[in-house]
Amino acid sequence: AAKIEHRPISNFITARVIKDIEESYYVDPIEMAQIKSDKSLMEKLKIGHRDAKEMKGKFVE
């Protein structure tokens, strides 16, 4: 692919790694449906999101 696009192999590797990271960063549709169907989890996520916006709590490493 790098030769076809006239770019060095290092650029190809960088582009491929970035693409792989982006693809693994997002949740697949089946997993997202499972998350959204769990009402308890959704409520906890909403509370956590609100608390984070209000800067409640503390950061734990």
N, C-alpha and C. Protein backbone atom coordinates (compact mmCIF):
# COMPACT_ATOMS: atom_id res chain seq x y z
N ALA A 1 0.83 -1.19 0.00
CA ALA A 1 0.00 0.00 0.00
C ALA A 1 0.87 1.26 0.00
N ALA A 2 1.97 1.22 0.75
CA ALA A 2 2.84 2.39 0.81
C ALA A 2 3.45 2.70 -0.55
N LYS A 3 3.85 1.65 -1.28
CA LYS A 3 4.46 1.85 -2.59
C LYS A 3 3.44 2.41 -3.58
N ILE A 4 2.23 1.88 -3.53
CA ILE A 4 1.17 2.34 -4.42
C ILE A 4 0.88 3.82 -4.18
N GLU A 5 0.88 4.20 -2.92
CA GLU A 5 0.57 5.59 -2.55
C GLU A 5 1.81 6.48 -2.55
N HIS A 6 2.97 5.94 -2.96
CA HIS A 6 4.23 6.69 -3.07
C HIS A 6 4.61 7.36 -1.75
N ARG A 7 4.64 6.58 -0.68
CA ARG A 7 5.07 7.12 0.61
C ARG A 7 5.99 6.12 1.27
N PRO A 8 6.87 6.57 2.14
CA PRO A 8 7.82 5.67 2.79
C PRO A 8 7.12 4.67 3.71
N ILE A 9 7.79 3.57 3.94
CA ILE A 9 7.22 2.50 4.78
C ILE A 9 6.94 3.01 6.19
N SER A 10 7.75 3.92 6.71
CA SER A 10 7.52 4.45 8.06
C SER A 10 6.18 5.18 8.14
N ASN A 11 5.83 5.90 7.09
CA ASN A 11 4.53 6.58 7.06
C ASN A 11 3.40 5.56 7.01
N PHE A 12 3.61 4.49 6.24
CA PHE A 12 2.60 3.44 6.16
C PHE A 12 2.38 2.81 7.53
N ILE A 13 3.47 2.49 8.22
CA ILE A 13 3.37 1.87 9.55
C ILE A 13 2.65 2.81 10.51
N THR A 14 3.02 4.07 10.50
CA THR A 14 2.36 5.05 11.37
C THR A 14 0.87 5.13 11.08
N ALA A 15 0.53 5.22 9.81
CA ALA A 15 -0.88 5.31 9.43
C ALA A 15 -1.65 4.06 9.85
N ARG A 16 -1.03 2.89 9.69
CA ARG A 16 -1.69 1.63 10.04
C ARG A 16 -1.90 1.52 11.55
N VAL A 17 -0.92 1.91 12.33
CA VAL A 17 -1.04 1.86 13.78
C VAL A 17 -2.13 2.81 14.25
N ILE A 18 -2.16 4.00 13.70
CA ILE A 18 -3.21 4.96 14.07
C ILE A 18 -4.59 4.40 13.72
N LYS A 19 -4.71 3.79 12.55
CA LYS A 19 -6.00 3.21 12.14
C LYS A 19 -6.42 2.10 13.11
N ASP A 20 -5.48 1.23 13.48
CA ASP A 20 -5.78 0.14 14.41
C ASP A 20 -6.23 0.68 15.77
N ILE A 21 -5.57 1.72 16.25
CA ILE A 21 -5.94 2.32 17.53
C ILE A 21 -7.34 2.91 17.44
N GLU A 22 -7.62 3.63 16.36
CA GLU A 22 -8.95 4.23 16.20
C GLU A 22 -10.04 3.17 16.14
N GLU A 23 -9.78 2.06 15.45
CA GLU A 23 -10.77 0.99 15.33
C GLU A 23 -11.03 0.31 16.67
N SER A 24 -10.01 0.17 17.49
CA SER A 24 -10.19 -0.51 18.78
C SER A 24 -10.70 0.45 19.86
N TYR A 25 -10.70 1.74 19.58
CA TYR A 25 -11.11 2.75 20.55
C TYR A 25 -12.62 2.77 20.73
N TYR A 26 -13.34 2.45 19.68
CA TYR A 26 -14.79 2.53 19.70
C TYR A 26 -15.42 1.19 20.04
N VAL A 27 -16.61 1.23 20.61
CA VAL A 27 -17.35 0.04 20.99
C VAL A 27 -18.10 -0.48 19.77
N ASP A 28 -18.09 -1.81 19.58
CA ASP A 28 -18.83 -2.35 18.44
C ASP A 28 -20.34 -2.29 18.72
N PRO A 29 -21.17 -2.35 17.69
CA PRO A 29 -22.62 -2.18 17.86
C PRO A 29 -23.27 -3.18 18.83
N ILE A 30 -22.81 -4.41 18.84
CA ILE A 30 -23.39 -5.42 19.74
C ILE A 30 -23.09 -5.06 21.19
N GLU A 31 -21.83 -4.70 21.45
CA GLU A 31 -21.45 -4.32 22.81
C GLU A 31 -22.20 -3.06 23.26
N MET A 32 -22.36 -2.09 22.37
CA MET A 32 -23.08 -0.87 22.71
C MET A 32 -24.54 -1.18 23.04
N ALA A 33 -25.16 -2.08 22.30
CA ALA A 33 -26.54 -2.47 22.57
C ALA A 33 -26.66 -3.11 23.95
N GLN A 34 -25.68 -3.93 24.32
CA GLN A 34 -25.69 -4.56 25.65
C GLN A 34 -25.54 -3.50 26.74
N ILE A 35 -24.67 -2.55 26.53
CA ILE A 35 -24.48 -1.48 27.51
C ILE A 35 -25.76 -0.67 27.67
N LYS A 36 -26.37 -0.28 26.55
CA LYS A 36 -27.57 0.55 26.59
C LYS A 36 -28.77 -0.19 27.18
N SER A 37 -28.79 -1.51 27.08
CA SER A 37 -29.91 -2.28 27.62
C SER A 37 -29.80 -2.48 29.13
N ASP A 38 -28.63 -2.21 29.70
CA ASP A 38 -28.41 -2.36 31.14
C ASP A 38 -28.78 -1.04 31.83
N LYS A 39 -30.02 -0.96 32.31
CA LYS A 39 -30.53 0.30 32.89
C LYS A 39 -29.72 0.74 34.11
N SER A 40 -29.31 -0.21 34.95
CA SER A 40 -28.53 0.12 36.14
C SER A 40 -27.19 0.74 35.74
N LEU A 41 -26.53 0.13 34.77
CA LEU A 41 -25.25 0.65 34.30
C LEU A 41 -25.42 2.04 33.70
N MET A 42 -26.46 2.23 32.90
CA MET A 42 -26.70 3.53 32.28
C MET A 42 -26.91 4.62 33.33
N GLU A 43 -27.64 4.29 34.40
CA GLU A 43 -27.87 5.26 35.47
C GLU A 43 -26.55 5.62 36.16
N LYS A 44 -25.72 4.61 36.42
CA LYS A 44 -24.42 4.86 37.05
C LYS A 44 -23.52 5.71 36.15
N LEU A 45 -23.57 5.45 34.84
CA LEU A 45 -22.77 6.24 33.91
C LEU A 45 -23.24 7.70 33.88
N LYS A 46 -24.56 7.91 33.93
CA LYS A 46 -25.09 9.27 33.96
C LYS A 46 -24.65 10.01 35.22
N ILE A 47 -24.73 9.32 36.35
CA ILE A 47 -24.31 9.93 37.62
C ILE A 47 -22.81 10.25 37.58
N GLY A 48 -22.02 9.30 37.10
CA GLY A 48 -20.58 9.51 37.00
C GLY A 48 -20.23 10.66 36.07
N HIS A 49 -20.94 10.75 34.96
CA HIS A 49 -20.71 11.84 34.01
C HIS A 49 -21.04 13.19 34.65
N ARG A 50 -22.18 13.24 35.33
CA ARG A 50 -22.58 14.48 36.00
C ARG A 50 -21.56 14.87 37.07
N ASP A 51 -21.15 13.89 37.88
CA ASP A 51 -20.17 14.17 38.93
C ASP A 51 -18.84 14.66 38.35
N ALA A 52 -18.42 14.07 37.23
CA ALA A 52 -17.17 14.50 36.60
C ALA A 52 -17.28 15.93 36.10
N LYS A 53 -18.42 16.27 35.49
CA LYS A 53 -18.62 17.64 35.01
C LYS A 53 -18.59 18.63 36.16
N GLU A 54 -19.13 18.23 37.32
CA GLU A 54 -19.17 19.10 38.49
C GLU A 54 -17.89 19.00 39.32
N MET A 55 -16.95 18.18 38.84
CA MET A 55 -15.67 17.95 39.50
C MET A 55 -15.85 17.45 40.93
N LYS A 56 -16.84 16.59 41.12
CA LYS A 56 -17.05 15.97 42.43
C LYS A 56 -16.13 14.76 42.55
N GLY A 57 -15.76 14.44 43.77
CA GLY A 57 -14.92 13.27 44.00
C GLY A 57 -13.46 13.58 43.79
N LYS A 58 -12.66 12.52 43.68
CA LYS A 58 -11.23 12.70 43.49
C LYS A 58 -10.72 11.67 42.50
N PHE A 59 -9.62 12.00 41.85
CA PHE A 59 -9.01 11.13 40.87
C PHE A 59 -8.21 10.05 41.57
N VAL A 60 -8.43 8.80 41.20
CA VAL A 60 -7.71 7.68 41.79
C VAL A 60 -6.88 7.02 40.71
N GLU A 61 -5.58 6.87 40.96
CA GLU A 61 -4.70 6.25 39.97
C GLU A 61 -4.66 4.76 40.16
